[in-house]
C-alpha atoms as a PDB file:
ATOM      1  CA  UNK A   1     -34.800   4.679 -32.409  1.00  0.00           C
ATOM      2  CA  UNK A   2     -31.363   6.045 -31.912  1.00  0.00           C
ATOM      3  CA  UNK A   3     -28.511   3.642 -31.212  1.00  0.00           C
ATOM      4  CA  UNK A   4     -27.346   3.563 -27.628  1.00  0.00           C
ATOM      5  CA  UNK A   5     -24.644   6.102 -26.932  1.00  0.00           C
ATOM      6  CA  UNK A   6     -21.477   4.558 -25.643  1.00  0.00           C
ATOM      7  CA  UNK A   7     -19.706   6.392 -22.835  1.00  0.00           C
ATOM      8  CA  UNK A   8     -16.330   7.824 -23.793  1.00  0.00           C
ATOM      9  CA  UNK A   9     -13.439   5.444 -23.117  1.00  0.00           C
ATOM     10  CA  UNK A  10     -11.702   5.863 -19.805  1.00  0.00           C
ATOM     11  CA  UNK A  11      -8.099   6.922 -20.074  1.00  0.00           C
ATOM     12  CA  UNK A  12      -5.888   6.720 -17.037  1.00  0.00           C
ATOM     13  CA  UNK A  13      -3.341   9.240 -18.148  1.00  0.00           C
ATOM     14  CA  UNK A  14       0.346   9.208 -17.355  1.00  0.00           C
ATOM     15  CA  UNK A  15       0.148  10.258 -13.692  1.00  0.00           C
ATOM     16  CA  UNK A  16      -2.538   7.766 -12.661  1.00  0.00           C
ATOM     17  CA  UNK A  17      -1.102   4.878 -14.676  1.00  0.00           C
ATOM     18  CA  UNK A  18       2.424   5.440 -13.401  1.00  0.00           C
ATOM     19  CA  UNK A  19       1.210   5.778  -9.796  1.00  0.00           C
ATOM     20  CA  UNK A  20      -0.791   2.557 -10.017  1.00  0.00           C
ATOM     21  CA  UNK A  21       2.008   0.579 -11.687  1.00  0.00           C
ATOM     22  CA  UNK A  22       4.658   1.838  -9.274  1.00  0.00           C
ATOM     23  CA  UNK A  23       2.308   1.339  -6.321  1.00  0.00           C
ATOM     24  CA  UNK A  24       1.638  -2.264  -7.345  1.00  0.00           C
ATOM     25  CA  UNK A  25       5.338  -2.957  -7.840  1.00  0.00           C
ATOM     26  CA  UNK A  26       6.176  -1.427  -4.451  1.00  0.00           C
ATOM     27  CA  UNK A  27       3.475  -3.471  -2.702  1.00  0.00           C
ATOM     28  CA  UNK A  28       4.624  -6.705  -4.346  1.00  0.00           C
ATOM     29  CA  UNK A  29       8.277  -5.984  -3.559  1.00  0.00           C
ATOM     30  CA  UNK A  30       7.450  -5.167   0.061  1.00  0.00           C
ATOM     31  CA  UNK A  31       5.315  -8.281   0.419  1.00  0.00           C
ATOM     32  CA  UNK A  32       7.985 -10.563  -1.051  1.00  0.00           C
ATOM     33  CA  UNK A  33      10.773  -9.051   1.047  1.00  0.00           C
ATOM     34  CA  UNK A  34       8.665  -9.362   4.220  1.00  0.00           C
ATOM     35  CA  UNK A  35       7.937 -13.014   3.483  1.00  0.00           C
ATOM     36  CA  UNK A  36      11.646 -13.684   2.916  1.00  0.00           C
ATOM     37  CA  UNK A  37      12.529 -11.921   6.178  1.00  0.00           C
ATOM     38  CA  UNK A  38       9.836 -13.833   8.059  1.00  0.00           C
ATOM     39  CA  UNK A  39      11.024 -17.198   6.733  1.00  0.00           C
ATOM     40  CA  UNK A  40      14.641 -16.326   7.527  1.00  0.00           C
ATOM     41  CA  UNK A  41      13.665 -15.262  11.028  1.00  0.00           C
ATOM     42  CA  UNK A  42      11.885 -18.554  11.605  1.00  0.00           C
ATOM     43  CA  UNK A  43      14.971 -20.535  10.618  1.00  0.00           C
ATOM     44  CA  UNK A  44      17.373 -21.883  13.221  1.00  0.00           C
ATOM     45  CA  UNK A  45      20.266 -19.787  11.921  1.00  0.00           C
ATOM     46  CA  UNK A  46      18.355 -16.571  12.514  1.00  0.00           C
ATOM     47  CA  UNK A  47      17.572 -17.642  16.066  1.00  0.00           C
ATOM     48  CA  UNK A  48      21.258 -18.192  16.716  1.00  0.00           C
ATOM     49  CA  UNK A  49      22.147 -14.781  15.299  1.00  0.00           C
ATOM     50  CA  UNK A  50      19.426 -12.881  17.152  1.00  0.00           C
ATOM     51  CA  UNK A  51      20.490 -13.762  20.672  1.00  0.00           C
ATOM     52  CA  UNK A  52      19.860 -10.310  22.076  1.00  0.00           C
ATOM     53  CA  UNK A  53      16.550  -9.500  20.404  1.00  0.00           C
ATOM     54  CA  UNK A  54      13.035 -10.753  20.966  1.00  0.00           C
ATOM     55  CA  UNK A  55      12.131 -12.346  17.636  1.00  0.00           C
ATOM     56  CA  UNK A  56       8.427 -12.595  18.528  1.00  0.00           C
ATOM     57  CA  UNK A  57       8.084  -8.824  18.350  1.00  0.00           C
ATOM     58  CA  UNK A  58       9.865  -8.747  15.020  1.00  0.00           C
ATOM     59  CA  UNK A  59       7.649 -11.547  13.691  1.00  0.00           C
ATOM     60  CA  UNK A  60       4.491  -9.687  14.723  1.00  0.00           C
ATOM     61  CA  UNK A  61       5.800  -6.541  13.075  1.00  0.00           C
ATOM     62  CA  UNK A  62       6.569  -8.445   9.877  1.00  0.00           C
ATOM     63  CA  UNK A  63       3.091  -9.984   9.863  1.00  0.00           C
ATOM     64  CA  UNK A  64       1.566  -6.518  10.184  1.00  0.00           C
ATOM     65  CA  UNK A  65       3.761  -5.244   7.373  1.00  0.00           C
ATOM     66  CA  UNK A  66       2.811  -8.202   5.156  1.00  0.00           C
ATOM     67  CA  UNK A  67      -0.864  -7.519   5.781  1.00  0.00           C
ATOM     68  CA  UNK A  68      -0.371  -3.828   4.996  1.00  0.00           C
ATOM     69  CA  UNK A  69       1.432  -4.641   1.740  1.00  0.00           C
ATOM     70  CA  UNK A  70      -1.244  -7.114   0.670  1.00  0.00           C
ATOM     71  CA  UNK A  71      -4.027  -4.613   1.417  1.00  0.00           C
ATOM     72  CA  UNK A  72      -2.207  -1.864  -0.479  1.00  0.00           C
ATOM     73  CA  UNK A  73      -1.906  -4.195  -3.462  1.00  0.00           C
ATOM     74  CA  UNK A  74      -5.655  -4.876  -3.306  1.00  0.00           C
ATOM     75  CA  UNK A  75      -6.321  -1.111  -3.136  1.00  0.00           C
ATOM     76  CA  UNK A  76      -4.121  -0.411  -6.155  1.00  0.00           C
ATOM     77  CA  UNK A  77      -5.828  -3.194  -8.122  1.00  0.00           C
ATOM     78  CA  UNK A  78      -9.221  -1.731  -7.196  1.00  0.00           C
ATOM     79  CA  UNK A  79      -8.135   1.717  -8.372  1.00  0.00           C
ATOM     80  CA  UNK A  80      -6.927   0.135 -11.626  1.00  0.00           C
ATOM     81  CA  UNK A  81     -10.473  -1.233 -11.997  1.00  0.00           C
ATOM     82  CA  UNK A  82     -11.906   2.264 -11.407  1.00  0.00           C
ATOM     83  CA  UNK A  83     -13.304   1.547  -7.929  1.00  0.00           C
ATOM     84  CA  UNK A  84     -13.597   4.477  -5.535  1.00  0.00           C
ATOM     85  CA  UNK A  85     -13.315   2.284  -2.463  1.00  0.00           C
ATOM     86  CA  UNK A  86      -9.760   1.467  -3.529  1.00  0.00           C
ATOM     87  CA  UNK A  87      -8.757   5.108  -3.169  1.00  0.00           C
ATOM     88  CA  UNK A  88     -10.611   5.479   0.124  1.00  0.00           C
ATOM     89  CA  UNK A  89      -8.991   2.344   1.532  1.00  0.00           C
ATOM     90  CA  UNK A  90      -5.535   3.422   0.332  1.00  0.00           C
ATOM     91  CA  UNK A  91      -5.871   6.778   2.087  1.00  0.00           C
ATOM     92  CA  UNK A  92      -7.198   5.077   5.236  1.00  0.00           C
ATOM     93  CA  UNK A  93      -4.284   2.595   5.234  1.00  0.00           C
ATOM     94  CA  UNK A  94      -1.809   5.435   4.875  1.00  0.00           C
ATOM     95  CA  UNK A  95      -3.407   7.359   7.740  1.00  0.00           C
ATOM     96  CA  UNK A  96      -3.424   4.232   9.901  1.00  0.00           C
ATOM     97  CA  UNK A  97       0.224   3.667   9.041  1.00  0.00           C
ATOM     98  CA  UNK A  98       1.115   7.173  10.199  1.00  0.00           C
ATOM     99  CA  UNK A  99      -0.840   6.753  13.454  1.00  0.00           C
ATOM    100  CA  UNK A 100       0.667   3.345  14.221  1.00  0.00           C
ATOM    101  CA  UNK A 101       4.194   4.534  13.480  1.00  0.00           C
ATOM    102  CA  UNK A 102       3.682   7.424  15.867  1.00  0.00           C
ATOM    103  CA  UNK A 103       2.114   5.140  18.481  1.00  0.00           C
ATOM    104  CA  UNK A 104       4.935   2.584  18.298  1.00  0.00           C
ATOM    105  CA  UNK A 105       7.685   5.159  18.568  1.00  0.00           C
ATOM    106  CA  UNK A 106       6.466   8.512  19.951  1.00  0.00           C
ATOM    107  CA  UNK A 107       9.976   9.938  19.743  1.00  0.00           C
ATOM    108  CA  UNK A 108      10.185   9.352  15.996  1.00  0.00           C
ATOM    109  CA  UNK A 109       9.575  11.922  13.332  1.00  0.00           C
ATOM    110  CA  UNK A 110       6.349  11.980  11.370  1.00  0.00           C
ATOM    111  CA  UNK A 111       6.163   9.328   8.636  1.00  0.00           C
ATOM    112  CA  UNK A 112       6.222  11.492   5.523  1.00  0.00           C
ATOM    113  CA  UNK A 113       6.243   8.479   3.186  1.00  0.00           C
ATOM    114  CA  UNK A 114       2.588   7.825   3.922  1.00  0.00           C
ATOM    115  CA  UNK A 115       1.720  11.515   3.574  1.00  0.00           C
ATOM    116  CA  UNK A 116       3.477  11.651   0.204  1.00  0.00           C
ATOM    117  CA  UNK A 117       1.562   8.526  -0.828  1.00  0.00           C
ATOM    118  CA  UNK A 118      -1.747  10.142   0.096  1.00  0.00           C
ATOM    119  CA  UNK A 119      -0.850  13.334  -1.766  1.00  0.00           C
ATOM    120  CA  UNK A 120       0.230  11.422  -4.857  1.00  0.00           C
ATOM    121  CA  UNK A 121      -2.920   9.266  -4.929  1.00  0.00           C
ATOM    122  CA  UNK A 122      -5.072  12.378  -4.622  1.00  0.00           C
ATOM    123  CA  UNK A 123      -3.155  14.213  -7.341  1.00  0.00           C
ATOM    124  CA  UNK A 124      -3.379  11.180  -9.624  1.00  0.00           C
ATOM    125  CA  UNK A 125      -7.049  10.287  -9.069  1.00  0.00           C
ATOM    126  CA  UNK A 126      -8.888  13.582  -8.629  1.00  0.00           C
ATOM    127  CA  UNK A 127      -8.675  14.712 -12.293  1.00  0.00           C
ATOM    128  CA  UNK A 128     -10.352  11.439 -13.320  1.00  0.00           C
ATOM    129  CA  UNK A 129     -12.649  11.107 -10.320  1.00  0.00           C
ATOM    130  CA  UNK A 130     -15.835  11.154 -12.438  1.00  0.00           C
ATOM    131  CA  UNK A 131     -14.834   7.847 -14.057  1.00  0.00           C
ATOM    132  CA  UNK A 132     -14.480   6.008 -10.768  1.00  0.00           C
ATOM    133  CA  UNK A 133     -17.462   3.901  -9.725  1.00  0.00           C
END
């Protein structure tokens, strides 16, 4: 009998590895900054400062942003583990982000950050798509 053939080792390459590392760092930074903002907004000092704004709307927005950051971090970790659903979920989150930004403020310009994120994840993952499970 022949010994079992091992599949070739998976190599992420510079573009995929740098995208995943930078994406994880950005998600962690966004999550931490949102938590800090949320805690500061809940404090008495922030209530005194924000006399003319409705802090409940800001708190809801921060909660949504925290959830988005946490989900993006999960997606990046899944892509690091070679899971296809991580890439699908990342693209879906980016599309949802663009739709919600447009829905919240119809007068605003299109959110190109999310579109650039989708393009960069596709450019980084498609050459190594066969290794994703």
